[in-house]
Amino acid sequence: MMKVPDLRRYKHGKRLIVVTAYDALFARIIEQAGIETILVGDSLGVVVQGKANTLSVSMDEMLYHTKLVAGAAQQALVVGDMPFMSYQASREDALRNAGRFLQVGAHAVKLEGGSAVVDRVHDMTQTGIPVVGHLGMTPQSVNQYGGYKVQGKEAAQAETMVQDAKALEAAGAVAIVLEAMPADLAKSITDTLAIPTIGIGAGPHCDGQVLVLYDLLGLFDDFVPKFVKPYAHLKADALQALRRYKEEVEQGKFPSDSESYR
């Protein structure tokens, strides 16, 4: 079984593979594929709920989906994503809400931000709650950025990210997600830290990679970010299956004798 201290072995060695999941079925499939870390992302707001961004996802919704995944996962490390305003308002809120993730079965939590959340990370780690950081294009700040845009292109912003990464590590973070930033910046951060980095749109030099499950399965085709590589085309397969089902029912071919009881 994958445990939090095992993350260290992925530093400049074996690559850490992370996939999102939001339900029990996909959690089991991910484990059967040999993937050892599952992120229950607040991306469910976009992927599952069909919203434009993640900002409306609630703590109760995140806890529900985390409980589903944690209940099904037998070997994987489960990380729960702290939703917008579950940790920003106060240190007390942050600590209390982080603890609720562990109470439903998560092994760690993830939160976005650098210096602004260092005190939260410190409080959590001192209380025994492992924390994964998140720098770069942080989706909960989408309105501040004016959309989903690559971050860290300018030298000053890049240097701030390096310093933020160091601060998160010093506060006790066990890993840091690097999202939508130049590959050379991600490499610089990765080389600076003793904890693993997990890239998503951050190039090949991170210690691991994470993708949204529905993206890598090809369930969306209206918008595919540059950093996504579909490894299947399940939307097309699903459409074909549904059209065949519709056709066979309309033509009286389903159910046949073999699908009927005697």
Protein backbone atom coordinates (compact mmCIF):
# COMPACT_ATOMS: atom_id res chain seq x y z
CA MET A 1 0.00 0.00 0.00
CA MET A 2 1.25 3.44 -0.94
CA LYS A 3 1.85 5.70 2.07
CA VAL A 4 2.80 9.35 2.45
CA PRO A 5 6.46 8.68 3.40
CA ASP A 6 6.79 6.64 0.17
CA LEU A 7 6.53 9.86 -1.84
CA ARG A 8 10.21 10.56 -1.11
CA ARG A 9 11.30 7.60 -3.20
CA TYR A 10 9.97 9.34 -6.29
CA LYS A 11 12.43 12.21 -6.00
CA HIS A 12 14.72 12.04 -9.05
CA GLY A 13 13.99 8.34 -9.47
CA LYS A 14 10.90 6.36 -10.36
CA ARG A 15 8.20 8.67 -11.72
CA LEU A 16 5.17 9.36 -9.55
CA ILE A 17 1.94 8.74 -11.48
CA VAL A 18 -1.21 10.50 -10.27
CA VAL A 19 -4.72 10.38 -11.75
CA THR A 20 -7.90 12.08 -10.62
CA ALA A 21 -10.97 10.07 -9.69
CA TYR A 22 -14.35 11.02 -8.32
CA ASP A 23 -16.08 7.68 -7.73
CA ALA A 24 -15.54 4.10 -6.60
CA LEU A 25 -15.63 2.43 -10.01
CA PHE A 26 -12.87 4.54 -11.54
CA ALA A 27 -10.83 4.35 -8.32
CA ARG A 28 -10.78 0.55 -8.66
CA ILE A 29 -9.87 0.74 -12.36
CA ILE A 30 -7.02 3.15 -11.63
CA GLU A 31 -5.65 0.76 -9.01
CA GLN A 32 -5.95 -2.20 -11.38
CA ALA A 33 -3.77 -0.21 -13.81
CA GLY A 34 -1.04 -0.12 -11.17
CA ILE A 35 -1.34 3.60 -10.41
CA GLU A 36 -0.55 4.30 -6.79
CA THR A 37 -1.83 7.82 -6.15
CA ILE A 38 -5.35 9.18 -6.70
CA LEU A 39 -6.31 12.84 -6.44
CA VAL A 40 -9.94 13.59 -5.74
CA GLY A 41 -9.80 16.94 -7.50
CA ASP A 42 -12.10 19.89 -7.18
CA SER A 43 -11.98 19.64 -10.97
CA LEU A 44 -15.16 17.62 -10.43
CA GLY A 45 -16.90 20.98 -10.60
CA VAL A 46 -16.05 21.16 -14.30
CA VAL A 47 -15.78 17.46 -15.17
CA VAL A 48 -18.74 16.02 -13.25
CA GLN A 49 -20.96 19.01 -12.52
CA GLY A 50 -20.50 20.79 -15.85
CA LYS A 51 -19.61 24.17 -14.33
CA ALA A 52 -17.33 26.73 -15.98
CA ASN A 53 -14.79 26.56 -13.14
CA THR A 54 -14.14 24.97 -9.75
CA LEU A 55 -15.21 27.87 -7.54
CA SER A 56 -18.68 26.61 -6.63
CA VAL A 57 -17.55 23.18 -5.39
CA SER A 58 -18.42 22.80 -1.71
CA MET A 59 -16.74 21.02 1.17
CA ASP A 60 -19.66 18.60 1.45
CA GLU A 61 -19.33 17.69 -2.22
CA MET A 62 -15.58 17.16 -1.93
CA LEU A 63 -15.99 15.05 1.20
CA TYR A 64 -18.67 12.92 -0.48
CA HIS A 65 -16.52 12.13 -3.51
CA THR A 66 -13.40 11.62 -1.39
CA LYS A 67 -15.30 9.13 0.76
CA LEU A 68 -16.36 7.20 -2.37
CA VAL A 69 -12.81 6.99 -3.69
CA ALA A 70 -11.19 6.24 -0.34
CA GLY A 71 -13.73 3.51 0.36
CA ALA A 72 -12.91 1.76 -2.90
CA ALA A 73 -9.14 2.24 -3.01
CA GLN A 74 -7.25 -0.61 -1.37
CA GLN A 75 -3.65 0.27 -2.20
CA ALA A 76 -3.52 3.83 -3.53
CA LEU A 77 -2.65 6.99 -1.67
CA VAL A 78 -5.76 9.21 -1.73
CA VAL A 79 -5.35 13.00 -1.74
CA GLY A 80 -8.39 15.22 -1.18
CA ASP A 81 -8.49 18.62 -2.89
CA MET A 82 -9.52 21.45 -0.57
CA PRO A 83 -12.16 23.55 -2.37
CA PHE A 84 -12.34 27.32 -2.69
CA MET A 85 -12.87 29.12 0.65
CA SER A 86 -12.34 25.98 2.72
CA TYR A 87 -8.91 27.23 3.86
CA GLN A 88 -8.55 30.87 2.77
CA ALA A 89 -10.70 32.60 5.40
CA SER A 90 -8.81 31.57 8.54
CA ARG A 91 -6.24 29.16 9.92
CA GLU A 92 -8.94 27.62 12.09
CA ASP A 93 -11.18 26.91 9.09
CA ALA A 94 -8.27 25.47 7.18
CA LEU A 95 -7.23 23.09 9.94
CA ARG A 96 -10.77 21.96 10.70
CA ASN A 97 -11.63 21.32 7.05
CA ALA A 98 -8.37 19.53 6.34
CA GLY A 99 -9.08 17.21 9.23
CA ARG A 100 -12.49 16.37 7.79
CA PHE A 101 -10.81 14.97 4.67
CA LEU A 102 -8.79 12.55 6.76
CA GLN A 103 -11.92 11.56 8.68
CA VAL A 104 -13.56 10.33 5.45
CA GLY A 105 -10.50 8.34 4.41
CA ALA A 106 -8.06 10.64 2.61
CA HIS A 107 -4.38 10.26 3.43
CA ALA A 108 -3.44 13.85 2.55
CA VAL A 109 -4.96 17.11 1.36
CA LYS A 110 -4.01 19.49 -1.45
CA LEU A 111 -4.38 23.26 -1.39
CA GLU A 112 -3.44 26.03 -3.80
CA GLY A 113 -1.12 28.95 -3.22
CA GLY A 114 2.32 29.96 -2.02
CA SER A 115 3.30 32.35 0.78
CA ALA A 116 -0.35 33.15 1.55
CA VAL A 117 -1.02 29.58 2.71
CA VAL A 118 2.31 28.67 4.31
CA ASP A 119 0.88 29.17 7.81
CA ARG A 120 -2.00 26.80 6.95
CA VAL A 121 0.42 24.17 5.68
CA HIS A 122 2.48 24.48 8.86
CA ASP A 123 -0.60 24.12 11.09
CA MET A 124 -1.78 21.05 9.22
CA THR A 125 1.54 19.24 9.19
CA GLN A 126 2.05 19.97 12.87
CA THR A 127 -1.34 18.38 13.51
CA GLY A 128 -0.47 15.28 11.51
CA ILE A 129 -2.24 16.17 8.27
CA PRO A 130 0.02 15.65 5.22
CA VAL A 131 -0.24 18.46 2.67
CA VAL A 132 0.42 18.64 -1.07
CA GLY A 133 0.99 22.17 -2.36
CA HIS A 134 -0.06 23.60 -5.73
CA LEU A 135 1.72 26.38 -7.63
CA GLY A 136 1.57 27.87 -11.11
CA MET A 137 -1.83 28.18 -12.72
CA THR A 138 -4.02 27.65 -9.69
CA PRO A 139 -7.62 27.18 -10.92
CA GLN A 140 -9.21 28.76 -7.84
CA SER A 141 -7.57 32.06 -8.89
CA VAL A 142 -9.01 31.92 -12.42
CA ASN A 143 -10.79 35.26 -12.05
CA GLN A 144 -7.63 36.96 -10.86
CA TYR A 145 -5.74 35.61 -13.89
CA GLY A 146 -8.53 36.52 -16.29
CA GLY A 147 -8.81 32.92 -17.48
CA TYR A 148 -6.78 29.74 -17.56
CA LYS A 149 -3.36 31.07 -18.54
CA VAL A 150 0.22 29.85 -18.26
CA GLN A 151 1.94 31.39 -15.24
CA GLY A 152 5.61 32.13 -14.56
CA LYS A 153 6.66 33.44 -17.96
CA GLU A 154 8.03 36.66 -16.48
CA ALA A 155 11.24 36.53 -14.45
CA ALA A 156 9.79 38.17 -11.33
CA GLN A 157 6.80 35.83 -11.17
CA ALA A 158 9.05 32.83 -11.81
CA GLU A 159 11.34 33.80 -8.95
CA THR A 160 8.34 34.24 -6.65
CA MET A 161 7.22 30.71 -7.50
CA VAL A 162 10.64 29.30 -6.67
CA GLN A 163 10.56 31.05 -3.31
CA ASP A 164 6.97 29.91 -2.70
CA ALA A 165 7.98 26.32 -3.40
CA LYS A 166 10.82 26.56 -0.89
CA ALA A 167 8.46 28.06 1.68
CA LEU A 168 5.89 25.30 1.20
CA GLU A 169 8.58 22.68 1.63
CA ALA A 170 9.88 24.37 4.78
CA ALA A 171 6.32 24.44 6.15
CA GLY A 172 6.12 20.66 5.75
CA ALA A 173 4.50 20.02 2.37
CA VAL A 174 5.14 16.45 1.18
CA ALA A 175 4.87 17.26 -2.56
CA ILE A 176 3.91 20.15 -4.83
CA VAL A 177 1.76 20.16 -7.96
CA LEU A 178 3.14 22.47 -10.68
CA GLU A 179 0.47 23.47 -13.18
CA ALA A 180 0.70 25.29 -16.52
CA MET A 181 4.14 26.85 -16.28
CA PRO A 182 7.21 26.90 -18.54
CA ALA A 183 9.12 23.62 -18.48
CA ASP A 184 12.40 25.28 -17.52
CA LEU A 185 10.77 26.92 -14.49
CA ALA A 186 9.30 23.58 -13.40
CA LYS A 187 12.75 22.02 -13.75
CA SER A 188 14.29 24.76 -11.64
CA ILE A 189 11.72 24.24 -8.88
CA THR A 190 12.10 20.46 -9.09
CA ASP A 191 15.88 20.67 -8.81
CA THR A 192 15.61 23.04 -5.85
CA LEU A 193 13.34 20.89 -3.70
CA ALA A 194 13.92 17.71 -1.72
CA ILE A 195 10.22 16.81 -2.06
CA PRO A 196 8.69 15.55 -5.33
CA THR A 197 6.99 17.80 -7.85
CA ILE A 198 3.97 16.64 -9.83
CA GLY A 199 3.49 18.30 -13.19
CA ILE A 200 0.38 19.07 -15.18
CA GLY A 201 1.27 21.21 -18.15
CA ALA A 202 4.70 21.80 -16.62
CA GLY A 203 6.91 19.79 -18.95
CA PRO A 204 8.86 16.54 -18.57
CA HIS A 205 11.26 17.43 -15.77
CA CYS A 206 8.91 17.05 -12.78
CA ASP A 207 9.21 14.01 -10.50
CA GLY A 208 5.70 12.89 -11.46
CA GLN A 209 2.70 13.71 -13.61
CA VAL A 210 -1.03 14.08 -13.00
CA LEU A 211 -3.92 14.18 -15.46
CA VAL A 212 -7.67 14.42 -15.09
CA LEU A 213 -9.01 10.93 -15.74
CA TYR A 214 -11.76 12.07 -18.10
CA ASP A 215 -9.23 13.99 -20.18
CA LEU A 216 -6.81 11.11 -20.65
CA LEU A 217 -9.69 8.77 -21.53
CA GLY A 218 -10.86 11.11 -24.29
CA LEU A 219 -14.31 11.77 -22.85
CA PHE A 220 -14.15 15.42 -23.90
CA ASP A 221 -13.50 16.74 -27.38
CA ASP A 222 -14.89 20.28 -27.23
CA PHE A 223 -11.86 21.58 -25.34
CA VAL A 224 -8.59 19.72 -24.86
CA PRO A 225 -5.77 21.66 -23.13
CA LYS A 226 -2.37 21.63 -24.82
CA PHE A 227 -0.89 19.55 -21.99
CA VAL A 228 -3.47 16.73 -22.30
CA LYS A 229 -2.75 13.62 -24.34
CA PRO A 230 -5.84 11.43 -24.78
CA TYR A 231 -4.88 7.77 -24.37
CA ALA A 232 -8.32 6.57 -25.46
CA HIS A 233 -11.37 7.98 -27.24
CA LEU A 234 -14.18 6.81 -25.00
CA LYS A 235 -16.63 9.52 -26.04
CA ALA A 236 -16.68 8.12 -29.56
CA ASP A 237 -17.05 4.56 -28.22
CA ALA A 238 -19.87 5.63 -25.91
CA LEU A 239 -21.73 7.41 -28.70
CA GLN A 240 -21.44 4.36 -30.95
CA ALA A 241 -22.74 2.05 -28.22
CA LEU A 242 -25.67 4.30 -27.36
CA ARG A 243 -26.67 4.70 -31.00
CA ARG A 244 -26.58 0.92 -31.51
CA TYR A 245 -28.72 0.43 -28.38
CA LYS A 246 -31.24 3.01 -29.59
CA GLU A 247 -31.36 1.42 -33.05
CA GLU A 248 -31.84 -2.13 -31.75
CA VAL A 249 -34.65 -1.13 -29.40
CA GLU A 250 -36.40 0.79 -32.18
CA GLN A 251 -36.06 -2.20 -34.56
CA GLY A 252 -37.21 -4.75 -31.99
CA LYS A 253 -33.82 -6.50 -31.90
CA PHE A 254 -33.29 -5.84 -28.19
CA PRO A 255 -34.13 -7.54 -25.97
CA SER A 256 -33.90 -10.85 -27.83
CA ASP A 257 -34.54 -14.33 -26.45
CA SER A 258 -31.03 -14.41 -25.00
CA GLU A 259 -31.76 -11.31 -22.87
CA SER A 260 -35.21 -12.56 -21.76
CA TYR A 261 -36.25 -14.84 -18.87
CA ARG A 262 -38.20 -18.09 -19.32
